[in-house]
Protein backbone atom coordinates (compact mmCIF):
# COMPACT_ATOMS: atom_id res chain seq x y z
CA UNK A 1 -74.45 17.42 -9.43
CA UNK A 2 -71.37 18.05 -7.08
CA UNK A 3 -73.07 21.61 -5.87
CA UNK A 4 -76.07 19.72 -4.89
CA UNK A 5 -74.93 16.74 -2.92
CA UNK A 6 -74.44 18.71 0.54
CA UNK A 7 -78.40 19.62 0.08
CA UNK A 8 -79.34 16.34 -0.96
CA UNK A 9 -77.82 13.89 1.61
CA UNK A 10 -79.42 15.20 4.64
CA UNK A 11 -82.92 15.14 2.74
CA UNK A 12 -82.01 11.38 1.56
CA UNK A 13 -80.92 10.33 5.00
CA UNK A 14 -83.81 12.02 6.71
CA UNK A 15 -86.05 9.67 4.15
CA UNK A 16 -84.57 6.93 5.04
CA UNK A 17 -84.83 6.98 8.65
CA UNK A 18 -88.65 7.52 8.34
CA UNK A 19 -90.65 4.40 8.42
CA UNK A 20 -92.81 3.05 5.93
CA UNK A 21 -96.12 3.76 6.36
CA UNK A 22 -96.98 0.18 7.17
CA UNK A 23 -94.41 0.05 10.06
CA UNK A 24 -95.60 3.43 11.46
CA UNK A 25 -99.45 1.99 11.32
CA UNK A 26 -98.04 -1.36 13.08
CA UNK A 27 -96.44 1.11 15.78
CA UNK A 28 -99.45 2.93 16.08
CA UNK A 29 -101.47 0.21 16.73
CA UNK A 30 -99.23 -1.19 19.38
CA UNK A 31 -98.85 1.78 20.95
CA UNK A 32 -102.88 2.37 21.17
CA UNK A 33 -103.60 -0.83 21.92
CA UNK A 34 -100.62 -2.87 23.80
CA UNK A 35 -102.43 -5.91 24.29
CA UNK A 36 -102.98 -6.03 20.34
CA UNK A 37 -101.86 -9.55 18.56
CA UNK A 38 -100.92 -10.16 14.89
CA UNK A 39 -104.54 -10.96 14.42
CA UNK A 40 -105.68 -7.64 15.32
CA UNK A 41 -103.40 -5.87 13.27
CA UNK A 42 -103.95 -8.25 10.33
CA UNK A 43 -107.83 -7.26 11.08
CA UNK A 44 -106.84 -3.50 11.18
CA UNK A 45 -105.09 -3.55 7.76
CA UNK A 46 -107.82 -5.57 6.36
CA UNK A 47 -110.73 -3.26 7.41
CA UNK A 48 -108.48 -0.59 5.58
CA UNK A 49 -108.40 -2.11 2.47
CA UNK A 50 -111.77 -4.50 2.46
CA UNK A 51 -114.03 -2.61 4.63
CA UNK A 52 -116.82 -3.81 6.79
CA UNK A 53 -116.90 -7.36 6.40
CA UNK A 54 -120.11 -7.57 4.10
CA UNK A 55 -121.94 -5.57 1.83
CA UNK A 56 -125.64 -4.81 3.73
CA UNK A 57 -128.43 -5.67 1.08
CA UNK A 58 -130.76 -5.30 4.23
CA UNK A 59 -130.68 -2.11 6.28
CA UNK A 60 -133.37 -3.52 8.61
CA UNK A 61 -130.80 -6.20 9.86
CA UNK A 62 -127.96 -3.92 10.21
CA UNK A 63 -130.24 -1.78 12.25
CA UNK A 64 -131.70 -4.83 14.27
CA UNK A 65 -128.19 -5.89 15.17
CA UNK A 66 -127.02 -2.62 15.82
CA UNK A 67 -129.73 -2.04 18.59
CA UNK A 68 -128.88 -5.54 20.11
CA UNK A 69 -125.14 -4.42 20.32
CA UNK A 70 -126.18 -0.68 21.71
CA UNK A 71 -128.31 -2.13 24.11
CA UNK A 72 -125.43 -5.05 25.46
CA UNK A 73 -122.62 -2.42 25.24
CA UNK A 74 -125.27 -0.11 27.40
CA UNK A 75 -125.74 -2.96 30.09
CA UNK A 76 -121.98 -3.99 30.09
CA UNK A 77 -121.40 -0.26 31.23
CA UNK A 78 -124.06 0.03 33.66
CA UNK A 79 -122.97 -3.06 35.48
CA UNK A 80 -119.12 -1.74 35.85
CA UNK A 81 -118.27 -4.80 33.93
CA UNK A 82 -115.79 -2.04 32.07
CA UNK A 83 -115.41 1.22 31.30
CA UNK A 84 -115.88 3.67 28.52
CA UNK A 85 -113.30 3.66 25.99
CA UNK A 86 -110.59 5.68 25.72
CA UNK A 87 -110.74 6.85 21.88
CA UNK A 88 -114.37 7.68 20.06
CA UNK A 89 -112.71 6.76 16.89
CA UNK A 90 -109.73 5.45 15.76
CA UNK A 91 -108.25 5.03 11.57
CA UNK A 92 -107.36 1.19 10.66
CA UNK A 93 -104.58 0.17 8.35
CA UNK A 94 -102.18 2.40 6.45
CA UNK A 95 -104.18 4.14 4.00
CA UNK A 96 -106.78 5.43 5.81
CA UNK A 97 -109.59 4.64 3.88
CA UNK A 98 -111.84 3.60 6.70
CA UNK A 99 -112.36 4.52 10.62
CA UNK A 100 -113.63 3.09 13.63
CA UNK A 101 -116.50 4.91 15.49
CA UNK A 102 -117.04 3.68 18.79
CA UNK A 103 -120.45 2.91 19.57
CA UNK A 104 -119.90 4.59 22.70
CA UNK A 105 -120.67 7.89 20.99
CA UNK A 106 -124.19 6.84 20.16
CA UNK A 107 -124.53 5.74 23.95
CA UNK A 108 -123.25 9.12 24.94
CA UNK A 109 -125.50 11.30 22.53
CA UNK A 110 -122.65 12.68 20.23
CA UNK A 111 -124.19 10.77 17.23
CA UNK A 112 -127.25 9.76 16.39
CA UNK A 113 -127.94 5.55 16.02
CA UNK A 114 -129.51 6.62 12.54
CA UNK A 115 -126.67 8.69 11.34
CA UNK A 116 -124.14 6.13 12.43
CA UNK A 117 -126.58 3.55 10.99
CA UNK A 118 -126.77 5.34 7.75
CA UNK A 119 -123.25 5.75 7.41
CA UNK A 120 -122.13 2.55 7.87
CA UNK A 121 -124.32 1.00 5.20
CA UNK A 122 -123.68 3.36 2.55
CA UNK A 123 -119.38 2.79 3.63
CA UNK A 124 -120.18 -1.19 3.32
CA UNK A 125 -122.16 -0.32 -0.14
CA UNK A 126 -119.85 1.88 -1.78
CA UNK A 127 -116.67 2.46 0.14
CA UNK A 128 -113.42 1.76 -1.49
CA UNK A 129 -112.54 -2.24 -1.58
CA UNK A 130 -109.44 -3.86 -2.82
CA UNK A 131 -110.15 -7.20 -4.24
CA UNK A 132 -108.95 -10.58 -2.29
CA UNK A 133 -106.00 -10.62 -5.01
CA UNK A 134 -105.07 -7.56 -3.92
CA UNK A 135 -105.29 -7.81 -0.11
CA UNK A 136 -103.47 -11.38 -0.10
CA UNK A 137 -100.73 -9.78 -1.84
CA UNK A 138 -101.13 -6.81 0.44
CA UNK A 139 -100.72 -9.33 3.64
CA UNK A 140 -97.88 -10.84 2.29
CA UNK A 141 -96.04 -7.92 2.38
CA UNK A 142 -97.25 -6.44 5.86
CA UNK A 143 -96.26 -9.69 7.45
CA UNK A 144 -92.48 -9.54 5.90
CA UNK A 145 -92.68 -6.47 8.00
CA UNK A 146 -94.16 -8.16 11.36
CA UNK A 147 -91.69 -10.93 10.90
CA UNK A 148 -88.66 -8.92 10.24
CA UNK A 149 -89.49 -5.95 12.48
CA UNK A 150 -92.09 -7.06 15.34
CA UNK A 151 -90.99 -10.51 16.04
CA UNK A 152 -91.58 -9.44 19.68
CA UNK A 153 -95.51 -9.68 19.49
CA UNK A 154 -96.92 -12.43 21.73
CA UNK A 155 -97.32 -15.55 19.44
CA UNK A 156 -96.22 -13.32 16.49
CA UNK A 157 -95.03 -17.03 14.49
CA UNK A 158 -98.15 -18.99 15.48
CA UNK A 159 -100.25 -16.45 14.10
CA UNK A 160 -98.53 -15.38 11.20
CA UNK A 161 -98.25 -19.06 10.45
CA UNK A 162 -102.30 -19.50 10.91
CA UNK A 163 -103.26 -16.81 8.87
CA UNK A 164 -100.93 -17.70 6.19
CA UNK A 165 -103.02 -21.05 6.34
CA UNK A 166 -106.44 -19.58 6.63
CA UNK A 167 -105.35 -16.99 3.80
CA UNK A 168 -104.23 -19.83 1.31
CA UNK A 169 -107.68 -21.11 1.64
CA UNK A 170 -109.37 -17.71 0.94
CA UNK A 171 -110.74 -17.02 4.43
CA UNK A 172 -109.75 -13.35 4.77
CA UNK A 173 -111.90 -12.18 7.31
CA UNK A 174 -111.26 -13.04 11.11
CA UNK A 175 -112.13 -11.49 14.70
CA UNK A 176 -110.01 -9.92 17.15
CA UNK A 177 -108.11 -12.02 19.71
CA UNK A 178 -109.24 -13.06 22.50
CA UNK A 179 -106.62 -10.78 24.19
CA UNK A 180 -107.65 -7.97 22.25
CA UNK A 181 -111.77 -8.73 23.43
CA UNK A 182 -110.49 -8.98 27.06
CA UNK A 183 -108.56 -5.97 27.44
CA UNK A 184 -110.64 -3.45 25.47
CA UNK A 185 -114.30 -4.74 24.26
CA UNK A 186 -114.64 -3.58 21.16
CA UNK A 187 -117.85 -2.31 19.85
CA UNK A 188 -117.66 0.13 16.64
CA UNK A 189 -118.80 0.68 13.21
CA UNK A 190 -116.04 0.79 10.20
CA UNK A 191 -116.95 3.98 8.19
CA UNK A 192 -115.62 5.50 5.10
CA UNK A 193 -112.94 8.10 5.70
CA UNK A 194 -115.01 10.70 3.96
CA UNK A 195 -118.32 9.93 5.16
CA UNK A 196 -116.92 10.51 8.97
CA UNK A 197 -114.48 13.23 7.76
CA UNK A 198 -117.45 14.99 6.77
CA UNK A 199 -120.39 13.86 8.46
CA UNK A 200 -119.19 12.39 11.68
CA UNK A 201 -116.11 13.57 13.04
CA UNK A 202 -117.57 17.26 13.78
CA UNK A 203 -120.12 15.97 15.74
CA UNK A 204 -118.05 13.83 18.06
CA UNK A 205 -115.35 16.35 18.82
CA UNK A 206 -117.65 18.98 18.85
C-alpha cells in the first residue's frame, strides 16, 4: 500500500478538485445565461428530472399550441423585438435526461414542426421521469449547494425560501423568472436525450 500512495495521491487530489455534476451544471447555467435566477436553475433541474411538464394525451392541442407560439415567435423576430437565440439547444440539469430545443430551429428550416412535435409528444409521454418525492429530495441537495456556493445570485435567499414553501405544498412546476424571460425570450420544447441525439441533433448541426 505504501508503494501505491505516490501514485494514488495525485488522483485523489484531482478528484477532490473536480466540481460535483450538480455544481458544474449550475455553473454552466450561469455561464450560458448570466441573468439566471434560482428559479431558472430550479426549472432546469426540474425539467431534467420530470421532463416536459405534463403528459400529452391530446397531440392536436400540443400542435395548435406549437403553431401559435411559432407564429408569435416569428412576429417578434420580424419586428426586431429581439434577435435569434445564440444556442439552438442546451442540456438541462446534471443528468442529461432531456435537452431544450429552441423553436428557432423550426423557423430556420433545420427541422420540421412535425418532427419536433412528434419528438416532444414522445418525450412527454415516454421519457424517463423521477417521482415527485424523488424530485423534492433532489432539490433539497441542489438548494444546499446553492446556499453554500452560489450566494451571489440575485435574490437567491428569497427565491430559495419561496421555492421551499411551494414545494412543501407540492407545487413542483415553475415558470422562468421575469429576468430570464426579458433577457432571453425563451421559446423551446423539452426533448428526451436519446430522441434528440438520434433524430434532431444531426439535422440541427448539419
